[in-house]
Amino acid sequence: MSIKKQLQELKSVLPKQVTLVAVSKTKPVQDLMKAYDVGQRIFGENKVQEMVEKYQQMPKDIQWHMIGHVQRNKVKYMAPFVDLIHGVDSLKLLSEINKQALKNNRCINGLLQIKIAAEDSKFGMTKNDAIQLMKSSEFKNLKNIKIKGVMGMATFTDDQNKIRKEFETLKSTFSELKSIQDSMHIISMGMSGDYPLAIECGSTMIRVGSYIFGARNYQ
């Protein structure tokens, strides 16, 4: 398969309001450059170390998104350059991102990760946790992180109705949180297997990897 061809095909069918994050985890820089050469500028990684290495080797007009679970002690390594952190799921993590952003004289963008799947393995906050967090004085005092929206991962299943329900839950959670902070505009949901359904349910950002780069080799 051709990375360029897959990427161009995908972009040709995406609605204007949907941002594509090319999920490049485990893939070599030369694969990412093939996507870069046809105009892709947003790449998603799930390990901070790997993202830092690729950032150092690749053109500097790329936006790097951290899409995996974030350990607080790793935030400092990506704080100088990360554009958007998708998996913000606690006040402690928010505070650490804020602290490291301040050290780098930056404001870092983040998304609140909402738990929409039934699986125990998925991280994230409940809707009520997120509402309480956003109404708290601690949250309002964080000046160097801006929450731009929400992110969620649906259950890994073939049951389309279940996935649809989970996506709709994320969309309604977003609407409630937006009433607290009107500047929120991103709903990050949908991956290679379910992005058309996610878009139908209101996604404004999809995270697609294997469809573009082929299956991953986790050796």
C-alpha atoms as a PDB file:
ATOM      1  CA  MET A   1       0.000   0.000   0.000  1.00  0.00           C
ATOM      2  CA  SER A   2       1.098   3.552  -0.615  1.00  0.00           C
ATOM      3  CA  ILE A   3       1.068   5.940   2.341  1.00  0.00           C
ATOM      4  CA  LYS A   4       0.620   8.921   0.024  1.00  0.00           C
ATOM      5  CA  LYS A   5      -2.272   7.304  -1.827  1.00  0.00           C
ATOM      6  CA  GLN A   6      -4.083   6.232   1.382  1.00  0.00           C
ATOM      7  CA  LEU A   7      -3.649   9.685   2.906  1.00  0.00           C
ATOM      8  CA  GLN A   8      -4.884  11.520  -0.188  1.00  0.00           C
ATOM      9  CA  GLU A   9      -7.877   9.193  -0.438  1.00  0.00           C
ATOM     10  CA  LEU A  10      -8.772   9.787   3.209  1.00  0.00           C
ATOM     11  CA  LYS A  11      -8.392  13.559   2.962  1.00  0.00           C
ATOM     12  CA  SER A  12     -10.559  13.687  -0.158  1.00  0.00           C
ATOM     13  CA  VAL A  13     -13.578  12.358   1.783  1.00  0.00           C
ATOM     14  CA  LEU A  14     -13.133  14.245   5.071  1.00  0.00           C
ATOM     15  CA  PRO A  15     -15.547  17.102   5.769  1.00  0.00           C
ATOM     16  CA  LYS A  16     -13.887  20.528   6.031  1.00  0.00           C
ATOM     17  CA  GLN A  17     -14.516  20.850   9.758  1.00  0.00           C
ATOM     18  CA  VAL A  18     -12.690  17.600  10.608  1.00  0.00           C
ATOM     19  CA  THR A  19      -8.975  17.709  11.461  1.00  0.00           C
ATOM     20  CA  LEU A  20      -6.889  14.633  10.668  1.00  0.00           C
ATOM     21  CA  VAL A  21      -4.235  13.507  13.140  1.00  0.00           C
ATOM     22  CA  ALA A  22      -1.963  10.969  11.425  1.00  0.00           C
ATOM     23  CA  VAL A  23      -1.126   8.479  14.176  1.00  0.00           C
ATOM     24  CA  SER A  24       2.492   7.638  13.530  1.00  0.00           C
ATOM     25  CA  LYS A  25       3.430   5.664  16.663  1.00  0.00           C
ATOM     26  CA  THR A  26       5.965   2.849  16.049  1.00  0.00           C
ATOM     27  CA  LYS A  27       6.473   4.046  12.437  1.00  0.00           C
ATOM     28  CA  PRO A  28       9.884   5.186  11.157  1.00  0.00           C
ATOM     29  CA  VAL A  29      10.612   8.806  10.230  1.00  0.00           C
ATOM     30  CA  GLN A  30      10.792   7.941   6.512  1.00  0.00           C
ATOM     31  CA  ASP A  31       7.137   6.815   6.642  1.00  0.00           C
ATOM     32  CA  LEU A  32       6.130  10.052   8.347  1.00  0.00           C
ATOM     33  CA  MET A  33       8.020  12.047   5.710  1.00  0.00           C
ATOM     34  CA  LYS A  34       5.966  10.379   2.958  1.00  0.00           C
ATOM     35  CA  ALA A  35       2.835  11.764   4.651  1.00  0.00           C
ATOM     36  CA  TYR A  36       4.560  15.124   5.201  1.00  0.00           C
ATOM     37  CA  ASP A  37       5.429  15.324   1.500  1.00  0.00           C
ATOM     38  CA  VAL A  38       1.732  15.284   0.568  1.00  0.00           C
ATOM     39  CA  GLY A  39       0.870  18.014   3.046  1.00  0.00           C
ATOM     40  CA  GLN A  40       0.171  16.245   6.362  1.00  0.00           C
ATOM     41  CA  ARG A  41       1.357  18.470   9.217  1.00  0.00           C
ATOM     42  CA  ILE A  42      -0.309  16.947  12.312  1.00  0.00           C
ATOM     43  CA  PHE A  43       1.135  13.747  13.744  1.00  0.00           C
ATOM     44  CA  GLY A  44       0.054  11.823  16.847  1.00  0.00           C
ATOM     45  CA  GLU A  45       2.335   9.762  19.078  1.00  0.00           C
ATOM     46  CA  ASN A  46       1.540   7.807  22.233  1.00  0.00           C
ATOM     47  CA  LYS A  47       5.017   7.671  23.792  1.00  0.00           C
ATOM     48  CA  VAL A  48       6.774  10.875  24.813  1.00  0.00           C
ATOM     49  CA  GLN A  49      10.287   9.513  24.147  1.00  0.00           C
ATOM     50  CA  GLU A  50       9.407   8.485  20.587  1.00  0.00           C
ATOM     51  CA  MET A  51       7.733  11.838  19.912  1.00  0.00           C
ATOM     52  CA  VAL A  52      10.788  13.759  21.149  1.00  0.00           C
ATOM     53  CA  GLU A  53      13.102  11.747  18.879  1.00  0.00           C
ATOM     54  CA  LYS A  54      10.903  12.342  15.834  1.00  0.00           C
ATOM     55  CA  TYR A  55      10.489  16.033  16.667  1.00  0.00           C
ATOM     56  CA  GLN A  56      14.271  16.412  16.685  1.00  0.00           C
ATOM     57  CA  GLN A  57      14.640  14.754  13.269  1.00  0.00           C
ATOM     58  CA  MET A  58      11.709  16.250  11.383  1.00  0.00           C
ATOM     59  CA  PRO A  59      10.676  19.669   9.956  1.00  0.00           C
ATOM     60  CA  LYS A  60       9.651  22.214  12.555  1.00  0.00           C
ATOM     61  CA  ASP A  61       6.303  23.204  10.986  1.00  0.00           C
ATOM     62  CA  ILE A  62       4.786  19.944  12.250  1.00  0.00           C
ATOM     63  CA  GLN A  63       2.207  19.992  15.052  1.00  0.00           C
ATOM     64  CA  TRP A  64       2.834  17.130  17.478  1.00  0.00           C
ATOM     65  CA  HIS A  65      -0.126  15.663  19.344  1.00  0.00           C
ATOM     66  CA  MET A  66       0.324  13.421  22.381  1.00  0.00           C
ATOM     67  CA  ILE A  67      -2.520  10.927  22.108  1.00  0.00           C
ATOM     68  CA  GLY A  68      -1.470   8.297  24.669  1.00  0.00           C
ATOM     69  CA  HIS A  69      -1.781   8.130  28.431  1.00  0.00           C
ATOM     70  CA  VAL A  70       0.540  10.745  29.939  1.00  0.00           C
ATOM     71  CA  GLN A  71       2.743  10.141  32.975  1.00  0.00           C
ATOM     72  CA  ARG A  72       3.367  13.351  34.879  1.00  0.00           C
ATOM     73  CA  ASN A  73       7.138  12.834  35.063  1.00  0.00           C
ATOM     74  CA  LYS A  74       7.330  12.789  31.239  1.00  0.00           C
ATOM     75  CA  VAL A  75       5.552  16.112  30.631  1.00  0.00           C
ATOM     76  CA  LYS A  76       8.791  18.140  30.875  1.00  0.00           C
ATOM     77  CA  TYR A  77      10.300  16.372  27.835  1.00  0.00           C
ATOM     78  CA  MET A  78       7.522  17.399  25.462  1.00  0.00           C
ATOM     79  CA  ALA A  79       6.604  20.761  27.023  1.00  0.00           C
ATOM     80  CA  PRO A  80       8.944  22.784  24.752  1.00  0.00           C
ATOM     81  CA  PHE A  81       7.116  21.753  21.569  1.00  0.00           C
ATOM     82  CA  VAL A  82       3.922  19.671  21.991  1.00  0.00           C
ATOM     83  CA  ASP A  83       0.899  21.285  20.347  1.00  0.00           C
ATOM     84  CA  LEU A  84      -2.010  19.337  21.855  1.00  0.00           C
ATOM     85  CA  ILE A  85      -2.213  16.760  24.656  1.00  0.00           C
ATOM     86  CA  HIS A  86      -5.297  14.573  24.136  1.00  0.00           C
ATOM     87  CA  GLY A  87      -5.241  12.497  27.319  1.00  0.00           C
ATOM     88  CA  VAL A  88      -5.649  15.003  30.152  1.00  0.00           C
ATOM     89  CA  ASP A  89      -7.495  13.084  32.852  1.00  0.00           C
ATOM     90  CA  SER A  90      -6.718  14.680  36.249  1.00  0.00           C
ATOM     91  CA  LEU A  91      -6.083  17.968  38.010  1.00  0.00           C
ATOM     92  CA  LYS A  92      -2.600  16.708  38.963  1.00  0.00           C
ATOM     93  CA  LEU A  93      -1.711  16.212  35.305  1.00  0.00           C
ATOM     94  CA  LEU A  94      -3.203  19.602  34.388  1.00  0.00           C
ATOM     95  CA  SER A  95      -1.107  21.269  37.081  1.00  0.00           C
ATOM     96  CA  GLU A  96       2.080  19.578  35.859  1.00  0.00           C
ATOM     97  CA  ILE A  97       1.421  20.599  32.244  1.00  0.00           C
ATOM     98  CA  ASN A  98       0.746  24.147  33.432  1.00  0.00           C
ATOM     99  CA  LYS A  99       4.013  24.177  35.428  1.00  0.00           C
ATOM    100  CA  GLN A 100       6.139  22.889  32.534  1.00  0.00           C
ATOM    101  CA  ALA A 101       4.431  25.209  30.028  1.00  0.00           C
ATOM    102  CA  LEU A 102       5.257  28.155  32.294  1.00  0.00           C
ATOM    103  CA  LYS A 103       8.925  27.074  32.449  1.00  0.00           C
ATOM    104  CA  ASN A 104       9.001  27.082  28.636  1.00  0.00           C
ATOM    105  CA  ASN A 105       7.146  30.380  28.404  1.00  0.00           C
ATOM    106  CA  ARG A 106       4.322  28.690  26.502  1.00  0.00           C
ATOM    107  CA  CYS A 107       0.640  27.963  26.707  1.00  0.00           C
ATOM    108  CA  ILE A 108      -0.062  24.282  25.955  1.00  0.00           C
ATOM    109  CA  ASN A 109      -3.392  23.064  24.593  1.00  0.00           C
ATOM    110  CA  GLY A 110      -5.120  20.029  26.040  1.00  0.00           C
ATOM    111  CA  LEU A 111      -8.251  17.908  25.773  1.00  0.00           C
ATOM    112  CA  LEU A 112     -10.058  16.340  28.718  1.00  0.00           C
ATOM    113  CA  GLN A 113     -10.150  12.586  28.236  1.00  0.00           C
ATOM    114  CA  ILE A 114     -13.650  11.332  29.006  1.00  0.00           C
ATOM    115  CA  LYS A 115     -14.211   7.648  29.727  1.00  0.00           C
ATOM    116  CA  ILE A 116     -16.933   6.527  27.330  1.00  0.00           C
ATOM    117  CA  ALA A 117     -16.026   2.847  26.870  1.00  0.00           C
ATOM    118  CA  ALA A 118     -17.121   0.040  29.143  1.00  0.00           C
ATOM    119  CA  GLU A 119     -13.646  -1.535  29.074  1.00  0.00           C
ATOM    120  CA  ASP A 120     -11.565  -1.132  32.232  1.00  0.00           C
ATOM    121  CA  SER A 121      -8.387  -0.570  30.251  1.00  0.00           C
ATOM    122  CA  LYS A 122      -9.451   2.847  28.959  1.00  0.00           C
ATOM    123  CA  PHE A 123      -8.357   5.899  30.934  1.00  0.00           C
ATOM    124  CA  GLY A 124     -10.443   9.003  31.409  1.00  0.00           C
ATOM    125  CA  MET A 125     -12.700  11.058  33.642  1.00  0.00           C
ATOM    126  CA  THR A 126     -16.417  10.716  34.139  1.00  0.00           C
ATOM    127  CA  LYS A 127     -18.622  13.537  32.902  1.00  0.00           C
ATOM    128  CA  ASN A 128     -19.289  14.663  36.476  1.00  0.00           C
ATOM    129  CA  ASP A 129     -15.556  14.675  37.296  1.00  0.00           C
ATOM    130  CA  ALA A 130     -14.939  16.878  34.280  1.00  0.00           C
ATOM    131  CA  ILE A 131     -17.739  19.301  35.190  1.00  0.00           C
ATOM    132  CA  GLN A 132     -16.477  19.596  38.778  1.00  0.00           C
ATOM    133  CA  LEU A 133     -12.916  20.097  37.569  1.00  0.00           C
ATOM    134  CA  MET A 134     -13.833  22.875  35.149  1.00  0.00           C
ATOM    135  CA  LYS A 135     -15.874  24.697  37.785  1.00  0.00           C
ATOM    136  CA  SER A 136     -13.077  24.523  40.380  1.00  0.00           C
ATOM    137  CA  SER A 137     -10.977  27.522  41.372  1.00  0.00           C
ATOM    138  CA  GLU A 138      -7.803  25.421  40.908  1.00  0.00           C
ATOM    139  CA  PHE A 139      -8.684  24.884  37.257  1.00  0.00           C
ATOM    140  CA  LYS A 140      -9.455  28.560  36.700  1.00  0.00           C
ATOM    141  CA  ASN A 141      -6.052  29.516  38.120  1.00  0.00           C
ATOM    142  CA  LEU A 142      -4.125  27.486  35.516  1.00  0.00           C
ATOM    143  CA  LYS A 143      -3.068  30.094  32.966  1.00  0.00           C
ATOM    144  CA  ASN A 144      -0.572  28.109  30.858  1.00  0.00           C
ATOM    145  CA  ILE A 145      -2.801  25.243  29.746  1.00  0.00           C
ATOM    146  CA  LYS A 146      -5.901  25.801  27.660  1.00  0.00           C
ATOM    147  CA  ILE A 147      -8.543  23.081  27.490  1.00  0.00           C
ATOM    148  CA  LYS A 148      -9.772  23.088  23.893  1.00  0.00           C
ATOM    149  CA  GLY A 149     -12.249  20.217  24.050  1.00  0.00           C
ATOM    150  CA  VAL A 150     -12.657  16.522  24.821  1.00  0.00           C
ATOM    151  CA  MET A 151     -11.255  13.202  23.688  1.00  0.00           C
ATOM    152  CA  GLY A 152     -12.691   9.718  24.010  1.00  0.00           C
ATOM    153  CA  MET A 153     -12.059   6.154  22.866  1.00  0.00           C
ATOM    154  CA  ALA A 154     -14.932   3.852  22.037  1.00  0.00           C
ATOM    155  CA  THR A 155     -15.069   0.203  23.060  1.00  0.00           C
ATOM    156  CA  PHE A 156     -13.123  -2.106  20.744  1.00  0.00           C
ATOM    157  CA  THR A 157     -16.095  -3.980  19.305  1.00  0.00           C
ATOM    158  CA  ASP A 158     -17.977  -4.702  16.074  1.00  0.00           C
ATOM    159  CA  ASP A 159     -21.226  -3.557  17.694  1.00  0.00           C
ATOM    160  CA  GLN A 160     -21.914  -0.315  15.810  1.00  0.00           C
ATOM    161  CA  ASN A 161     -24.832   0.626  18.068  1.00  0.00           C
ATOM    162  CA  LYS A 162     -22.620   0.430  21.144  1.00  0.00           C
ATOM    163  CA  ILE A 163     -19.935   2.593  19.491  1.00  0.00           C
ATOM    164  CA  ARG A 164     -22.550   5.097  18.337  1.00  0.00           C
ATOM    165  CA  LYS A 165     -23.946   5.394  21.898  1.00  0.00           C
ATOM    166  CA  GLU A 166     -20.455   6.010  23.276  1.00  0.00           C
ATOM    167  CA  PHE A 167     -19.705   8.668  20.651  1.00  0.00           C
ATOM    168  CA  GLU A 168     -23.034  10.357  21.356  1.00  0.00           C
ATOM    169  CA  THR A 169     -22.167  10.357  25.071  1.00  0.00           C
ATOM    170  CA  LEU A 170     -18.918  12.192  24.296  1.00  0.00           C
ATOM    171  CA  LYS A 171     -20.735  14.699  22.093  1.00  0.00           C
ATOM    172  CA  SER A 172     -23.301  15.495  24.807  1.00  0.00           C
ATOM    173  CA  THR A 173     -20.538  15.736  27.450  1.00  0.00           C
ATOM    174  CA  PHE A 174     -18.740  18.215  25.197  1.00  0.00           C
ATOM    175  CA  SER A 175     -21.909  20.312  24.914  1.00  0.00           C
ATOM    176  CA  GLU A 176     -22.287  20.455  28.709  1.00  0.00           C
ATOM    177  CA  LEU A 177     -18.643  21.412  29.221  1.00  0.00           C
ATOM    178  CA  LYS A 178     -18.824  24.007  26.465  1.00  0.00           C
ATOM    179  CA  SER A 179     -21.574  25.734  28.430  1.00  0.00           C
ATOM    180  CA  ILE A 180     -18.979  26.198  31.206  1.00  0.00           C
ATOM    181  CA  GLN A 181     -16.161  27.274  28.873  1.00  0.00           C
ATOM    182  CA  ASP A 182     -17.324  28.529  25.506  1.00  0.00           C
ATOM    183  CA  SER A 183     -13.871  28.493  23.851  1.00  0.00           C
ATOM    184  CA  MET A 184     -13.926  24.689  23.596  1.00  0.00           C
ATOM    185  CA  HIS A 185     -14.270  23.457  19.994  1.00  0.00           C
ATOM    186  CA  ILE A 186     -12.553  20.072  19.617  1.00  0.00           C
ATOM    187  CA  ILE A 187     -14.199  16.652  19.875  1.00  0.00           C
ATOM    188  CA  SER A 188     -11.416  14.128  19.288  1.00  0.00           C
ATOM    189  CA  MET A 189     -13.027  10.782  18.545  1.00  0.00           C
ATOM    190  CA  GLY A 190     -12.763   8.173  15.821  1.00  0.00           C
ATOM    191  CA  MET A 191      -9.879   5.989  14.666  1.00  0.00           C
ATOM    192  CA  SER A 192      -9.106   3.866  11.594  1.00  0.00           C
ATOM    193  CA  GLY A 193     -11.961   1.431  12.258  1.00  0.00           C
ATOM    194  CA  ASP A 194     -14.717   3.817  13.294  1.00  0.00           C
ATOM    195  CA  TYR A 195     -13.953   7.345  12.050  1.00  0.00           C
ATOM    196  CA  PRO A 196     -16.910   7.576   9.594  1.00  0.00           C
ATOM    197  CA  LEU A 197     -19.318   6.860  12.463  1.00  0.00           C
ATOM    198  CA  ALA A 198     -17.452   9.304  14.719  1.00  0.00           C
ATOM    199  CA  ILE A 199     -17.813  12.076  12.141  1.00  0.00           C
ATOM    200  CA  GLU A 200     -21.503  11.300  11.814  1.00  0.00           C
ATOM    201  CA  CYS A 201     -21.777  11.705  15.620  1.00  0.00           C
ATOM    202  CA  GLY A 202     -20.078  15.107  15.621  1.00  0.00           C
ATOM    203  CA  SER A 203     -16.324  14.460  15.761  1.00  0.00           C
ATOM    204  CA  THR A 204     -14.132  17.420  14.748  1.00  0.00           C
ATOM    205  CA  MET A 205     -10.808  15.546  15.018  1.00  0.00           C
ATOM    206  CA  ILE A 206      -9.996  11.956  14.068  1.00  0.00           C
ATOM    207  CA  ARG A 207      -6.899   9.946  14.994  1.00  0.00           C
ATOM    208  CA  VAL A 208      -6.039   7.623  12.116  1.00  0.00           C
ATOM    209  CA  GLY A 209      -2.942   5.435  11.961  1.00  0.00           C
ATOM    210  CA  SER A 210      -3.140   1.972  10.420  1.00  0.00           C
ATOM    211  CA  TYR A 211      -5.408   3.136   7.573  1.00  0.00           C
ATOM    212  CA  ILE A 212      -2.613   5.496   6.465  1.00  0.00           C
ATOM    213  CA  PHE A 213       0.579   3.716   7.530  1.00  0.00           C
ATOM    214  CA  GLY A 214      -0.457   0.053   7.504  1.00  0.00           C
ATOM    215  CA  ALA A 215      -0.575  -2.384  10.406  1.00  0.00           C
ATOM    216  CA  ARG A 216       1.800  -1.778  13.320  1.00  0.00           C
ATOM    217  CA  ASN A 217       4.603  -4.036  14.322  1.00  0.00           C
ATOM    218  CA  TYR A 218       4.898  -3.992  18.131  1.00  0.00           C
ATOM    219  CA  GLN A 219       8.173  -5.900  18.365  1.00  0.00           C
END
